[in-house]
N, C-alpha and C. Protein backbone atom coordinates (compact mmCIF):
# COMPACT_ATOMS: atom_id res chain seq x y z
N MET A 1 -30.10 -212.45 39.74
CA MET A 1 -29.39 -211.20 39.56
C MET A 1 -29.04 -210.99 38.08
N ILE A 2 -28.55 -212.04 37.42
CA ILE A 2 -28.20 -211.94 36.01
C ILE A 2 -29.45 -211.68 35.18
N LYS A 3 -30.55 -212.37 35.52
CA LYS A 3 -31.80 -212.18 34.79
C LYS A 3 -32.27 -210.73 34.90
N LEU A 4 -32.12 -210.13 36.06
CA LEU A 4 -32.53 -208.74 36.27
C LEU A 4 -31.69 -207.79 35.41
N SER A 5 -30.39 -208.01 35.34
CA SER A 5 -29.54 -207.13 34.53
C SER A 5 -29.85 -207.30 33.04
N VAL A 6 -30.15 -208.50 32.61
CA VAL A 6 -30.53 -208.74 31.22
C VAL A 6 -31.85 -208.03 30.92
N TYR A 7 -32.80 -208.13 31.84
CA TYR A 7 -34.09 -207.47 31.69
C TYR A 7 -33.94 -205.96 31.62
N ILE A 8 -33.13 -205.40 32.49
CA ILE A 8 -32.90 -203.94 32.50
C ILE A 8 -32.22 -203.51 31.21
N SER A 9 -31.24 -204.27 30.74
CA SER A 9 -30.56 -203.94 29.48
C SER A 9 -31.54 -203.97 28.31
N ALA A 10 -32.40 -204.97 28.28
CA ALA A 10 -33.41 -205.07 27.21
C ALA A 10 -34.39 -203.90 27.28
N LEU A 11 -34.76 -203.50 28.46
CA LEU A 11 -35.68 -202.39 28.64
C LEU A 11 -35.06 -201.08 28.17
N ILE A 12 -33.80 -200.86 28.51
CA ILE A 12 -33.09 -199.64 28.08
C ILE A 12 -32.98 -199.63 26.55
N LEU A 13 -32.64 -200.76 25.95
CA LEU A 13 -32.54 -200.86 24.50
C LEU A 13 -33.90 -200.57 23.85
N SER A 14 -34.97 -201.09 24.43
CA SER A 14 -36.31 -200.85 23.90
C SER A 14 -36.65 -199.37 23.91
N PHE A 15 -36.34 -198.68 25.01
CA PHE A 15 -36.61 -197.24 25.10
C PHE A 15 -35.78 -196.47 24.09
N SER A 16 -34.54 -196.87 23.90
CA SER A 16 -33.66 -196.20 22.93
C SER A 16 -34.21 -196.37 21.52
N LEU A 17 -34.64 -197.57 21.16
CA LEU A 17 -35.19 -197.81 19.83
C LEU A 17 -36.51 -197.07 19.64
N LEU A 18 -37.33 -197.01 20.67
CA LEU A 18 -38.60 -196.29 20.61
C LEU A 18 -38.34 -194.80 20.40
N ALA A 19 -37.38 -194.24 21.12
CA ALA A 19 -37.05 -192.82 20.96
C ALA A 19 -36.55 -192.55 19.55
N GLN A 20 -35.74 -193.44 19.01
CA GLN A 20 -35.23 -193.28 17.65
C GLN A 20 -36.38 -193.33 16.65
N ASP A 21 -37.29 -194.28 16.80
CA ASP A 21 -38.43 -194.40 15.90
C ASP A 21 -39.30 -193.15 15.96
N THR A 22 -39.52 -192.61 17.15
CA THR A 22 -40.33 -191.41 17.31
C THR A 22 -39.67 -190.22 16.61
N ILE A 23 -38.37 -190.10 16.75
CA ILE A 23 -37.65 -189.00 16.10
C ILE A 23 -37.75 -189.14 14.58
N LEU A 24 -37.55 -190.35 14.05
CA LEU A 24 -37.66 -190.55 12.60
C LEU A 24 -39.08 -190.25 12.12
N GLU A 25 -40.06 -190.62 12.90
CA GLU A 25 -41.45 -190.32 12.56
C GLU A 25 -41.68 -188.80 12.53
N ASN A 26 -41.15 -188.10 13.52
CA ASN A 26 -41.29 -186.64 13.58
C ASN A 26 -40.55 -185.95 12.43
N ILE A 27 -39.38 -186.46 12.09
CA ILE A 27 -38.64 -185.91 10.96
C ILE A 27 -39.44 -186.12 9.67
N GLY A 28 -40.00 -187.30 9.50
CA GLY A 28 -40.81 -187.59 8.32
C GLY A 28 -42.02 -186.68 8.23
N THR A 29 -42.67 -186.41 9.36
CA THR A 29 -43.82 -185.51 9.40
C THR A 29 -43.41 -184.10 8.99
N ALA A 30 -42.27 -183.63 9.49
CA ALA A 30 -41.78 -182.30 9.14
C ALA A 30 -41.45 -182.22 7.65
N MET A 31 -40.87 -183.28 7.10
CA MET A 31 -40.55 -183.30 5.67
C MET A 31 -41.83 -183.28 4.84
N LYS A 32 -42.83 -184.07 5.22
CA LYS A 32 -44.11 -184.09 4.49
C LYS A 32 -44.77 -182.72 4.49
N ALA A 33 -44.61 -181.99 5.57
CA ALA A 33 -45.22 -180.67 5.71
C ALA A 33 -44.36 -179.57 5.09
N GLY A 34 -43.12 -179.89 4.76
CA GLY A 34 -42.21 -178.87 4.25
C GLY A 34 -41.95 -177.80 5.30
N SER A 35 -41.81 -178.23 6.55
CA SER A 35 -41.66 -177.30 7.67
C SER A 35 -40.22 -177.24 8.17
N SER A 36 -39.53 -176.17 7.79
CA SER A 36 -38.16 -175.99 8.28
C SER A 36 -38.18 -175.77 9.79
N LYS A 37 -39.21 -175.11 10.28
CA LYS A 37 -39.32 -174.82 11.72
C LYS A 37 -39.39 -176.12 12.53
N GLU A 38 -40.13 -177.10 12.05
CA GLU A 38 -40.22 -178.39 12.75
C GLU A 38 -38.98 -179.24 12.52
N LEU A 39 -38.49 -179.26 11.29
CA LEU A 39 -37.34 -180.10 10.97
C LEU A 39 -36.09 -179.67 11.74
N ILE A 40 -35.93 -178.38 11.92
CA ILE A 40 -34.72 -177.86 12.58
C ILE A 40 -34.63 -178.33 14.04
N LYS A 41 -35.76 -178.68 14.64
CA LYS A 41 -35.77 -179.19 16.02
C LYS A 41 -34.97 -180.49 16.15
N TYR A 42 -34.80 -181.20 15.04
CA TYR A 42 -34.15 -182.50 15.07
C TYR A 42 -32.76 -182.45 14.44
N CYS A 43 -32.21 -181.24 14.28
CA CYS A 43 -30.89 -181.07 13.67
C CYS A 43 -29.83 -180.78 14.72
N ASN A 44 -28.62 -181.22 14.41
CA ASN A 44 -27.47 -180.97 15.25
C ASN A 44 -27.14 -179.47 15.23
N ALA A 45 -26.39 -178.99 16.21
CA ALA A 45 -26.05 -177.56 16.32
C ALA A 45 -25.33 -177.06 15.07
N ASN A 46 -24.54 -177.90 14.45
CA ASN A 46 -23.91 -177.61 13.15
C ASN A 46 -24.32 -178.75 12.23
N ILE A 47 -24.88 -178.39 11.09
CA ILE A 47 -25.40 -179.40 10.18
C ILE A 47 -24.86 -179.17 8.78
N GLU A 48 -24.54 -180.26 8.12
CA GLU A 48 -24.12 -180.19 6.72
C GLU A 48 -25.36 -180.40 5.85
N ILE A 49 -25.60 -179.46 4.95
CA ILE A 49 -26.73 -179.56 4.03
C ILE A 49 -26.17 -179.56 2.61
N LYS A 50 -26.61 -180.55 1.83
CA LYS A 50 -26.21 -180.64 0.43
C LYS A 50 -27.48 -180.63 -0.41
N ILE A 51 -27.56 -179.69 -1.35
CA ILE A 51 -28.71 -179.59 -2.24
C ILE A 51 -28.19 -179.58 -3.66
N ASP A 52 -28.56 -180.59 -4.43
CA ASP A 52 -28.14 -180.72 -5.82
C ASP A 52 -26.63 -180.51 -6.01
N GLY A 53 -25.85 -181.14 -5.13
CA GLY A 53 -24.40 -181.11 -5.28
C GLY A 53 -23.68 -179.98 -4.57
N LYS A 54 -24.42 -178.98 -4.09
CA LYS A 54 -23.79 -177.85 -3.38
C LYS A 54 -23.85 -178.14 -1.88
N THR A 55 -22.67 -178.26 -1.26
CA THR A 55 -22.58 -178.62 0.15
C THR A 55 -22.03 -177.47 0.98
N SER A 56 -22.65 -177.24 2.14
CA SER A 56 -22.13 -176.27 3.11
C SER A 56 -22.51 -176.71 4.51
N ASN A 57 -21.75 -176.21 5.48
CA ASN A 57 -22.05 -176.43 6.89
C ASN A 57 -22.72 -175.18 7.43
N TYR A 58 -23.74 -175.39 8.26
CA TYR A 58 -24.54 -174.28 8.77
C TYR A 58 -24.80 -174.40 10.26
N SER A 59 -25.00 -173.26 10.90
CA SER A 59 -25.52 -173.24 12.26
C SER A 59 -27.02 -173.54 12.15
N LEU A 60 -27.66 -173.75 13.29
CA LEU A 60 -29.10 -174.01 13.26
C LEU A 60 -29.89 -172.87 12.62
N ALA A 61 -29.54 -171.64 12.96
CA ALA A 61 -30.27 -170.48 12.41
C ALA A 61 -30.09 -170.41 10.89
N GLN A 62 -28.86 -170.60 10.42
CA GLN A 62 -28.60 -170.57 8.98
C GLN A 62 -29.30 -171.74 8.28
N ALA A 63 -29.24 -172.91 8.90
CA ALA A 63 -29.86 -174.10 8.31
C ALA A 63 -31.36 -173.93 8.16
N GLU A 64 -31.99 -173.30 9.13
CA GLU A 64 -33.44 -173.10 9.04
C GLU A 64 -33.78 -172.23 7.83
N VAL A 65 -32.99 -171.20 7.57
CA VAL A 65 -33.21 -170.32 6.41
C VAL A 65 -33.02 -171.11 5.11
N ILE A 66 -31.96 -171.90 5.03
CA ILE A 66 -31.68 -172.70 3.83
C ILE A 66 -32.80 -173.71 3.58
N LEU A 67 -33.24 -174.40 4.64
CA LEU A 67 -34.31 -175.39 4.50
C LEU A 67 -35.64 -174.72 4.14
N LYS A 68 -35.91 -173.57 4.75
CA LYS A 68 -37.15 -172.84 4.44
C LYS A 68 -37.17 -172.46 2.96
N ASP A 69 -36.04 -171.97 2.44
CA ASP A 69 -35.94 -171.60 1.04
C ASP A 69 -36.14 -172.83 0.14
N PHE A 70 -35.54 -173.95 0.51
CA PHE A 70 -35.70 -175.19 -0.26
C PHE A 70 -37.16 -175.60 -0.31
N PHE A 71 -37.83 -175.60 0.84
CA PHE A 71 -39.23 -176.01 0.88
C PHE A 71 -40.15 -175.04 0.13
N LEU A 72 -39.84 -173.74 0.18
CA LEU A 72 -40.64 -172.76 -0.57
C LEU A 72 -40.50 -172.97 -2.08
N LYS A 73 -39.29 -173.26 -2.53
CA LYS A 73 -39.04 -173.49 -3.96
C LYS A 73 -39.51 -174.87 -4.42
N ASN A 74 -39.62 -175.80 -3.47
CA ASN A 74 -39.98 -177.19 -3.77
C ASN A 74 -41.07 -177.67 -2.81
N PRO A 75 -42.30 -177.15 -2.95
CA PRO A 75 -43.36 -177.55 -2.02
C PRO A 75 -43.60 -179.06 -2.06
N PRO A 76 -43.75 -179.68 -0.89
CA PRO A 76 -43.87 -181.13 -0.83
C PRO A 76 -45.24 -181.65 -1.26
N LYS A 77 -45.20 -182.79 -1.92
CA LYS A 77 -46.41 -183.58 -2.17
C LYS A 77 -46.40 -184.80 -1.26
N GLY A 78 -45.23 -185.12 -0.73
CA GLY A 78 -45.13 -186.26 0.17
C GLY A 78 -43.68 -186.57 0.50
N PHE A 79 -43.51 -187.43 1.50
CA PHE A 79 -42.19 -187.91 1.88
C PHE A 79 -42.36 -189.30 2.45
N GLN A 80 -41.46 -190.20 2.06
CA GLN A 80 -41.48 -191.53 2.67
C GLN A 80 -40.07 -192.09 2.75
N TYR A 81 -39.82 -192.81 3.82
CA TYR A 81 -38.53 -193.49 3.98
C TYR A 81 -38.55 -194.73 3.10
N ILE A 82 -37.41 -194.99 2.44
CA ILE A 82 -37.31 -196.22 1.66
C ILE A 82 -36.26 -197.17 2.24
N HIS A 83 -35.39 -196.64 3.11
CA HIS A 83 -34.39 -197.49 3.75
C HIS A 83 -33.85 -196.81 5.00
N GLN A 84 -33.54 -197.63 5.99
CA GLN A 84 -32.93 -197.14 7.22
C GLN A 84 -31.85 -198.13 7.64
N GLY A 85 -30.81 -197.62 8.26
CA GLY A 85 -29.75 -198.51 8.71
C GLY A 85 -28.87 -197.85 9.74
N ALA A 86 -27.80 -198.56 10.10
CA ALA A 86 -26.86 -198.05 11.11
C ALA A 86 -25.47 -198.54 10.77
N SER A 87 -24.48 -197.74 11.14
CA SER A 87 -23.09 -198.13 10.95
C SER A 87 -22.59 -198.78 12.24
N PRO A 88 -21.47 -199.50 12.16
CA PRO A 88 -20.90 -200.10 13.38
C PRO A 88 -20.53 -199.04 14.43
N GLU A 89 -20.27 -197.80 13.99
CA GLU A 89 -19.90 -196.72 14.90
C GLU A 89 -21.11 -196.11 15.60
N GLY A 90 -22.31 -196.55 15.25
CA GLY A 90 -23.51 -196.04 15.91
C GLY A 90 -24.22 -194.93 15.16
N LEU A 91 -23.72 -194.56 13.98
CA LEU A 91 -24.43 -193.56 13.18
C LEU A 91 -25.65 -194.21 12.54
N LYS A 92 -26.73 -193.51 12.50
CA LYS A 92 -27.94 -193.98 11.84
C LYS A 92 -28.04 -193.26 10.51
N TYR A 93 -28.65 -193.89 9.54
CA TYR A 93 -28.89 -193.21 8.28
C TYR A 93 -30.26 -193.60 7.74
N THR A 94 -30.82 -192.68 6.97
CA THR A 94 -32.09 -192.95 6.32
C THR A 94 -31.97 -192.50 4.87
N ILE A 95 -32.70 -193.18 4.03
CA ILE A 95 -32.85 -192.77 2.63
C ILE A 95 -34.35 -192.64 2.41
N GLY A 96 -34.74 -191.52 1.84
CA GLY A 96 -36.16 -191.29 1.61
C GLY A 96 -36.40 -190.62 0.28
N THR A 97 -37.67 -190.53 -0.07
CA THR A 97 -38.08 -189.85 -1.29
C THR A 97 -38.97 -188.68 -0.91
N TYR A 98 -38.56 -187.49 -1.33
CA TYR A 98 -39.31 -186.25 -1.13
C TYR A 98 -39.97 -185.94 -2.47
N SER A 99 -41.29 -186.07 -2.53
CA SER A 99 -42.03 -185.88 -3.77
C SER A 99 -42.53 -184.45 -3.88
N LEU A 100 -42.46 -183.91 -5.10
CA LEU A 100 -43.01 -182.60 -5.36
C LEU A 100 -43.79 -182.67 -6.67
N GLU A 101 -44.43 -181.58 -7.03
CA GLU A 101 -45.29 -181.56 -8.22
C GLU A 101 -44.57 -182.07 -9.47
N GLU A 102 -43.36 -181.60 -9.70
CA GLU A 102 -42.67 -181.94 -10.94
C GLU A 102 -41.46 -182.86 -10.76
N GLY A 103 -41.52 -183.75 -9.80
CA GLY A 103 -40.42 -184.70 -9.65
C GLY A 103 -40.21 -185.16 -8.23
N LYS A 104 -39.00 -185.63 -7.97
CA LYS A 104 -38.65 -186.18 -6.66
C LYS A 104 -37.21 -185.83 -6.32
N TYR A 105 -36.97 -185.80 -5.04
CA TYR A 105 -35.61 -185.70 -4.50
C TYR A 105 -35.35 -186.94 -3.67
N ARG A 106 -34.16 -187.48 -3.81
CA ARG A 106 -33.71 -188.52 -2.89
C ARG A 106 -33.10 -187.79 -1.71
N VAL A 107 -33.50 -188.16 -0.52
CA VAL A 107 -33.03 -187.50 0.69
C VAL A 107 -32.28 -188.52 1.54
N VAL A 108 -31.00 -188.24 1.75
CA VAL A 108 -30.17 -189.10 2.60
C VAL A 108 -29.82 -188.30 3.85
N MET A 109 -30.12 -188.87 5.01
CA MET A 109 -29.81 -188.21 6.27
C MET A 109 -28.90 -189.10 7.11
N VAL A 110 -27.91 -188.48 7.72
CA VAL A 110 -27.06 -189.14 8.70
C VAL A 110 -27.47 -188.58 10.05
N ILE A 111 -27.81 -189.48 10.96
CA ILE A 111 -28.32 -189.09 12.27
C ILE A 111 -27.39 -189.68 13.32
N LYS A 112 -26.92 -188.81 14.21
CA LYS A 112 -26.02 -189.33 15.25
C LYS A 112 -26.54 -188.94 16.63
N LYS A 113 -26.09 -189.71 17.60
CA LYS A 113 -26.50 -189.45 18.97
C LYS A 113 -25.65 -188.32 19.53
N VAL A 114 -26.32 -187.27 19.97
CA VAL A 114 -25.67 -186.11 20.58
C VAL A 114 -26.22 -186.03 22.00
N LYS A 115 -25.34 -186.23 22.96
CA LYS A 115 -25.75 -186.37 24.36
C LYS A 115 -26.73 -187.52 24.42
N GLU A 116 -27.98 -187.28 24.75
CA GLU A 116 -28.95 -188.37 24.85
C GLU A 116 -30.00 -188.36 23.74
N GLU A 117 -29.78 -187.52 22.72
CA GLU A 117 -30.77 -187.39 21.65
C GLU A 117 -30.15 -187.71 20.30
N PHE A 118 -30.97 -188.20 19.38
CA PHE A 118 -30.54 -188.39 18.01
C PHE A 118 -30.82 -187.11 17.24
N LYS A 119 -29.81 -186.64 16.49
CA LYS A 119 -29.92 -185.38 15.73
C LYS A 119 -29.45 -185.60 14.30
N ILE A 120 -30.09 -184.90 13.36
CA ILE A 120 -29.64 -184.95 11.97
C ILE A 120 -28.31 -184.22 11.89
N ASP A 121 -27.30 -184.91 11.41
CA ASP A 121 -25.96 -184.33 11.28
C ASP A 121 -25.70 -183.89 9.83
N THR A 122 -26.27 -184.64 8.90
CA THR A 122 -26.10 -184.36 7.47
C THR A 122 -27.42 -184.64 6.77
N ILE A 123 -27.79 -183.76 5.85
CA ILE A 123 -28.97 -184.00 5.01
C ILE A 123 -28.60 -183.68 3.57
N ASN A 124 -28.90 -184.58 2.67
CA ASN A 124 -28.51 -184.45 1.28
C ASN A 124 -29.75 -184.61 0.39
N PHE A 125 -30.09 -183.56 -0.36
CA PHE A 125 -31.20 -183.58 -1.31
C PHE A 125 -30.62 -183.71 -2.71
N SER A 126 -30.95 -184.79 -3.42
CA SER A 126 -30.47 -184.99 -4.79
C SER A 126 -31.67 -185.19 -5.70
N LYS A 127 -31.82 -184.33 -6.71
CA LYS A 127 -32.94 -184.45 -7.63
C LYS A 127 -32.81 -185.75 -8.42
N GLU A 128 -33.93 -186.45 -8.51
CA GLU A 128 -33.92 -187.73 -9.27
C GLU A 128 -34.35 -187.48 -10.70
């Protein structure tokens, strides 16, 4: 009986980690494509966006417009994660590099579990 509960717990943890990896992969793909339409699918209902020091909170509709404008002004050459981690409270974070023709942005995202899905809660673009 104990072995079965340990097995079930390990299986649930595996599915949770797989779902998280898939979401991070999808977010990375959206960033590489510079697609606000795809990226917004992985954002929380209210998201904090910081671009070059200017921070605001947005609804999904507003955030999509802000991200679309960012991507139009800064067309992507690539995106890659350079670090991922988690806090003791269960928040996930990623640090990545968003490359463009004339430079790079460091992208820090805070991802939290909302109901049963991981969603971007905060995204910060800082020019390097």
